[in-house]
PDB file of N, CA and C in Angstrom:
ATOM      1  N   MET A   1       0.853  -1.172   0.000  1.00  0.00           N
ATOM      2  CA  MET A   1       0.000   0.000   0.000  1.00  0.00           C
ATOM      3  C   MET A   1       0.899   1.235   0.000  1.00  0.00           C
ATOM      4  N   SER A   2       0.610   2.158  -0.899  1.00  0.00           N
ATOM      5  CA  SER A   2       1.437   3.354  -0.980  1.00  0.00           C
ATOM      6  C   SER A   2       1.159   4.260   0.210  1.00  0.00           C
ATOM      7  N   GLU A   3       2.061   5.175   0.440  1.00  0.00           N
ATOM      8  CA  GLU A   3       1.910   6.103   1.562  1.00  0.00           C
ATOM      9  C   GLU A   3       0.664   6.976   1.392  1.00  0.00           C
ATOM     10  N   ASP A   4       0.373   7.383   0.166  1.00  0.00           N
ATOM     11  CA  ASP A   4      -0.825   8.200  -0.088  1.00  0.00           C
ATOM     12  C   ASP A   4      -2.091   7.408   0.204  1.00  0.00           C
ATOM     13  N   ALA A   5      -2.107   6.158  -0.190  1.00  0.00           N
ATOM     14  CA  ALA A   5      -3.273   5.311   0.054  1.00  0.00           C
ATOM     15  C   ALA A   5      -3.449   5.079   1.550  1.00  0.00           C
ATOM     16  N   LEU A   6      -2.351   4.889   2.249  1.00  0.00           N
ATOM     17  CA  LEU A   6      -2.414   4.682   3.690  1.00  0.00           C
ATOM     18  C   LEU A   6      -2.949   5.927   4.389  1.00  0.00           C
ATOM     19  N   GLU A   7      -2.482   7.073   3.967  1.00  0.00           N
ATOM     20  CA  GLU A   7      -2.955   8.330   4.552  1.00  0.00           C
ATOM     21  C   GLU A   7      -4.446   8.527   4.264  1.00  0.00           C
ATOM     22  N   ALA A   8      -4.865   8.221   3.053  1.00  0.00           N
ATOM     23  CA  ALA A   8      -6.285   8.345   2.701  1.00  0.00           C
ATOM     24  C   ALA A   8      -7.126   7.390   3.542  1.00  0.00           C
ATOM     25  N   ALA A   9      -6.615   6.194   3.773  1.00  0.00           N
ATOM     26  CA  ALA A   9      -7.337   5.222   4.596  1.00  0.00           C
ATOM     27  C   ALA A   9      -7.436   5.702   6.041  1.00  0.00           C
ATOM     28  N   GLN A  10      -6.368   6.297   6.539  1.00  0.00           N
ATOM     29  CA  GLN A  10      -6.386   6.831   7.904  1.00  0.00           C
ATOM     30  C   GLN A  10      -7.400   7.963   8.026  1.00  0.00           C
ATOM     31  N   GLN A  11      -7.464   8.819   7.024  1.00  0.00           N
ATOM     32  CA  GLN A  11      -8.427   9.928   7.039  1.00  0.00           C
ATOM     33  C   GLN A  11      -9.859   9.400   6.963  1.00  0.00           C
ATOM     34  N   ALA A  12     -10.079   8.389   6.140  1.00  0.00           N
ATOM     35  CA  ALA A  12     -11.403   7.790   6.021  1.00  0.00           C
ATOM     36  C   ALA A  12     -11.808   7.140   7.342  1.00  0.00           C
ATOM     37  N   TYR A  13     -10.868   6.469   7.985  1.00  0.00           N
ATOM     38  CA  TYR A  13     -11.123   5.844   9.282  1.00  0.00           C
ATOM     39  C   TYR A  13     -11.480   6.898  10.324  1.00  0.00           C
ATOM     40  N   GLN A  14     -10.748   7.979  10.361  1.00  0.00           N
ATOM     41  CA  GLN A  14     -11.004   9.073  11.308  1.00  0.00           C
ATOM     42  C   GLN A  14     -12.385   9.672  11.053  1.00  0.00           C
ATOM     43  N   SER A  15     -12.724   9.876   9.802  1.00  0.00           N
ATOM     44  CA  SER A  15     -14.045  10.417   9.460  1.00  0.00           C
ATOM     45  C   SER A  15     -15.157   9.467   9.888  1.00  0.00           C
ATOM     46  N   ALA A  16     -14.929   8.185   9.696  1.00  0.00           N
ATOM     47  CA  ALA A  16     -15.925   7.191  10.105  1.00  0.00           C
ATOM     48  C   ALA A  16     -16.090   7.176  11.620  1.00  0.00           C
ATOM     49  N   GLN A  17     -15.007   7.289  12.350  1.00  0.00           N
ATOM     50  CA  GLN A  17     -15.084   7.343  13.809  1.00  0.00           C
ATOM     51  C   GLN A  17     -15.868   8.570  14.266  1.00  0.00           C
ATOM     52  N   GLU A  18     -15.612   9.703  13.655  1.00  0.00           N
ATOM     53  CA  GLU A  18     -16.323  10.926  14.011  1.00  0.00           C
ATOM     54  C   GLU A  18     -17.806  10.806  13.697  1.00  0.00           C
ATOM     55  N   ALA A  19     -18.129  10.212  12.560  1.00  0.00           N
ATOM     56  CA  ALA A  19     -19.539  10.019  12.194  1.00  0.00           C
ATOM     57  C   ALA A  19     -20.230   9.082  13.182  1.00  0.00           C
ATOM     58  N   LEU A  20     -19.541   8.048  13.606  1.00  0.00           N
ATOM     59  CA  LEU A  20     -20.104   7.112  14.577  1.00  0.00           C
ATOM     60  C   LEU A  20     -20.338   7.800  15.911  1.00  0.00           C
ATOM     61  N   GLN A  21     -19.395   8.599  16.362  1.00  0.00           N
ATOM     62  CA  GLN A  21     -19.560   9.326  17.622  1.00  0.00           C
ATOM     63  C   GLN A  21     -20.742  10.289  17.540  1.00  0.00           C
ATOM     64  N   THR A  22     -20.893  10.963  16.411  1.00  0.00           N
ATOM     65  CA  THR A  22     -22.016  11.875  16.225  1.00  0.00           C
ATOM     66  C   THR A  22     -23.336  11.115  16.246  1.00  0.00           C
ATOM     67  N   ALA A  23     -23.381   9.976  15.572  1.00  0.00           N
ATOM     68  CA  ALA A  23     -24.601   9.165  15.546  1.00  0.00           C
ATOM     69  C   ALA A  23     -24.949   8.662  16.941  1.00  0.00           C
ATOM     70  N   ARG A  24     -23.961   8.236  17.700  1.00  0.00           N
ATOM     71  CA  ARG A  24     -24.207   7.773  19.072  1.00  0.00           C
ATOM     72  C   ARG A  24     -24.750   8.902  19.939  1.00  0.00           C
ATOM     73  N   ARG A  25     -24.179  10.080  19.782  1.00  0.00           N
ATOM     74  CA  ARG A  25     -24.618  11.236  20.561  1.00  0.00           C
ATOM     75  C   ARG A  25     -26.063  11.598  20.224  1.00  0.00           C
ATOM     76  N   LYS A  26     -26.383  11.586  18.926  1.00  0.00           N
ATOM     77  CA  LYS A  26     -27.751  11.903  18.497  1.00  0.00           C
ATOM     78  C   LYS A  26     -28.745  10.848  18.981  1.00  0.00           C
ATOM     79  N   LEU A  27     -28.339   9.587  18.944  1.00  0.00           N
ATOM     80  CA  LEU A  27     -29.201   8.514  19.432  1.00  0.00           C
ATOM     81  C   LEU A  27     -29.449   8.680  20.927  1.00  0.00           C
ATOM     82  N   ALA A  28     -28.403   8.971  21.677  1.00  0.00           N
ATOM     83  CA  ALA A  28     -28.550   9.173  23.119  1.00  0.00           C
ATOM     84  C   ALA A  28     -29.491  10.341  23.407  1.00  0.00           C
ATOM     85  N   GLU A  29     -29.353  11.412  22.664  1.00  0.00           N
ATOM     86  CA  GLU A  29     -30.243  12.570  22.845  1.00  0.00           C
ATOM     87  C   GLU A  29     -31.689  12.206  22.532  1.00  0.00           C
ATOM     88  N   ALA A  30     -31.895  11.451  21.464  1.00  0.00           N
ATOM     89  CA  ALA A  30     -33.252  11.050  21.080  1.00  0.00           C
ATOM     90  C   ALA A  30     -33.865  10.150  22.141  1.00  0.00           C
ATOM     91  N   VAL A  31     -33.075   9.228  22.668  1.00  0.00           N
ATOM     92  CA  VAL A  31     -33.574   8.328  23.717  1.00  0.00           C
ATOM     93  C   VAL A  31     -33.938   9.125  24.960  1.00  0.00           C
ATOM     94  N   LEU A  32     -33.061  10.019  25.375  1.00  0.00           N
ATOM     95  CA  LEU A  32     -33.341  10.817  26.567  1.00  0.00           C
ATOM     96  C   LEU A  32     -34.560  11.718  26.369  1.00  0.00           C
ATOM     97  N   ASP A  33     -34.698  12.297  25.191  1.00  0.00           N
ATOM     98  CA  ASP A  33     -35.870  13.124  24.901  1.00  0.00           C
ATOM     99  C   ASP A  33     -37.152  12.302  24.951  1.00  0.00           C
ATOM    100  N   ALA A  34     -37.121  11.121  24.348  1.00  0.00           N
ATOM    101  CA  ALA A  34     -38.297  10.254  24.345  1.00  0.00           C
ATOM    102  C   ALA A  34     -38.664   9.865  25.770  1.00  0.00           C
ATOM    103  N   TYR A  35     -37.675   9.513  26.570  1.00  0.00           N
ATOM    104  CA  TYR A  35     -37.926   9.121  27.958  1.00  0.00           C
ATOM    105  C   TYR A  35     -38.487  10.302  28.748  1.00  0.00           C
ATOM    106  N   ALA A  36     -37.922  11.482  28.543  1.00  0.00           N
ATOM    107  CA  ALA A  36     -38.397  12.680  29.242  1.00  0.00           C
ATOM    108  C   ALA A  36     -39.836  13.025  28.857  1.00  0.00           C
ATOM    109  N   ASN A  37     -40.231  12.639  27.638  1.00  0.00           N
ATOM    110  CA  ASN A  37     -41.595  12.904  27.178  1.00  0.00           C
ATOM    111  C   ASN A  37     -42.556  11.772  27.529  1.00  0.00           C
ATOM    112  N   GLY A  38     -42.107  10.845  28.381  1.00  0.00           N
ATOM    113  CA  GLY A  38     -42.986   9.798  28.877  1.00  0.00           C
ATOM    114  C   GLY A  38     -43.078   8.546  28.033  1.00  0.00           C
ATOM    115  N   GLU A  39     -42.222   8.410  27.075  1.00  0.00           N
ATOM    116  CA  GLU A  39     -42.244   7.205  26.226  1.00  0.00           C
ATOM    117  C   GLU A  39     -41.768   6.018  27.067  1.00  0.00           C
ATOM    118  N   PRO A  40     -42.487   4.882  27.025  1.00  0.00           N
ATOM    119  CA  PRO A  40     -42.047   3.709  27.797  1.00  0.00           C
ATOM    120  C   PRO A  40     -40.674   3.205  27.317  1.00  0.00           C
ATOM    121  N   VAL A  41     -39.885   2.744  28.261  1.00  0.00           N
ATOM    122  CA  VAL A  41     -38.533   2.290  27.965  1.00  0.00           C
ATOM    123  C   VAL A  41     -38.543   1.173  26.920  1.00  0.00           C
ATOM    124  N   GLY A  42     -39.472   0.240  27.045  1.00  0.00           N
ATOM    125  CA  GLY A  42     -39.551  -0.854  26.083  1.00  0.00           C
ATOM    126  C   GLY A  42     -39.776  -0.376  24.669  1.00  0.00           C
ATOM    127  N   ARG A  43     -40.631   0.609  24.511  1.00  0.00           N
ATOM    128  CA  ARG A  43     -40.901   1.149  23.170  1.00  0.00           C
ATOM    129  C   ARG A  43     -39.676   1.881  22.626  1.00  0.00           C
ATOM    130  N   ILE A  44     -38.968   2.600  23.493  1.00  0.00           N
ATOM    131  CA  ILE A  44     -37.755   3.289  23.061  1.00  0.00           C
ATOM    132  C   ILE A  44     -36.735   2.247  22.577  1.00  0.00           C
ATOM    133  N   ALA A  45     -36.571   1.176  23.352  1.00  0.00           N
ATOM    134  CA  ALA A  45     -35.605   0.127  22.993  1.00  0.00           C
ATOM    135  C   ALA A  45     -35.990  -0.524  21.674  1.00  0.00           C
ATOM    136  N   GLU A  46     -37.281  -0.798  21.474  1.00  0.00           N
ATOM    137  CA  GLU A  46     -37.725  -1.376  20.198  1.00  0.00           C
ATOM    138  C   GLU A  46     -37.387  -0.453  19.036  1.00  0.00           C
ATOM    139  N   GLY A  47     -37.594   0.834  19.243  1.00  0.00           N
ATOM    140  CA  GLY A  47     -37.299   1.816  18.199  1.00  0.00           C
ATOM    141  C   GLY A  47     -35.828   1.918  17.863  1.00  0.00           C
ATOM    142  N   CYS A  48     -34.994   1.554  18.836  1.00  0.00           N
ATOM    143  CA  CYS A  48     -33.541   1.600  18.628  1.00  0.00           C
ATOM    144  C   CYS A  48     -32.994   0.289  18.110  1.00  0.00           C
ATOM    145  N   GLY A  49     -33.842  -0.716  18.024  1.00  0.00           N
ATOM    146  CA  GLY A  49     -33.385  -2.022  17.587  1.00  0.00           C
ATOM    147  C   GLY A  49     -32.659  -2.791  18.670  1.00  0.00           C
ATOM    148  N   SER A  50     -32.910  -2.459  19.921  1.00  0.00           N
ATOM    149  CA  SER A  50     -32.217  -3.125  21.019  1.00  0.00           C
ATOM    150  C   SER A  50     -32.797  -4.487  21.349  1.00  0.00           C
ATOM    151  N   PHE A  51     -34.013  -4.759  20.898  1.00  0.00           N
ATOM    152  CA  PHE A  51     -34.643  -6.061  21.180  1.00  0.00           C
ATOM    153  C   PHE A  51     -34.771  -6.861  19.928  1.00  0.00           C
TER     154      PHE A  51
END
């Protein structure tokens, strides 16, 4: 693998990590908002694909 390809792969990996962290943060916010609005925990979990 050339140095340029390796650097591009590292940048892509970093971008993917950042996107995953953002998605996790948004999911956590959505779950907390739903819970604060009285949504049952089981329904929240179903909506998240936890069951």
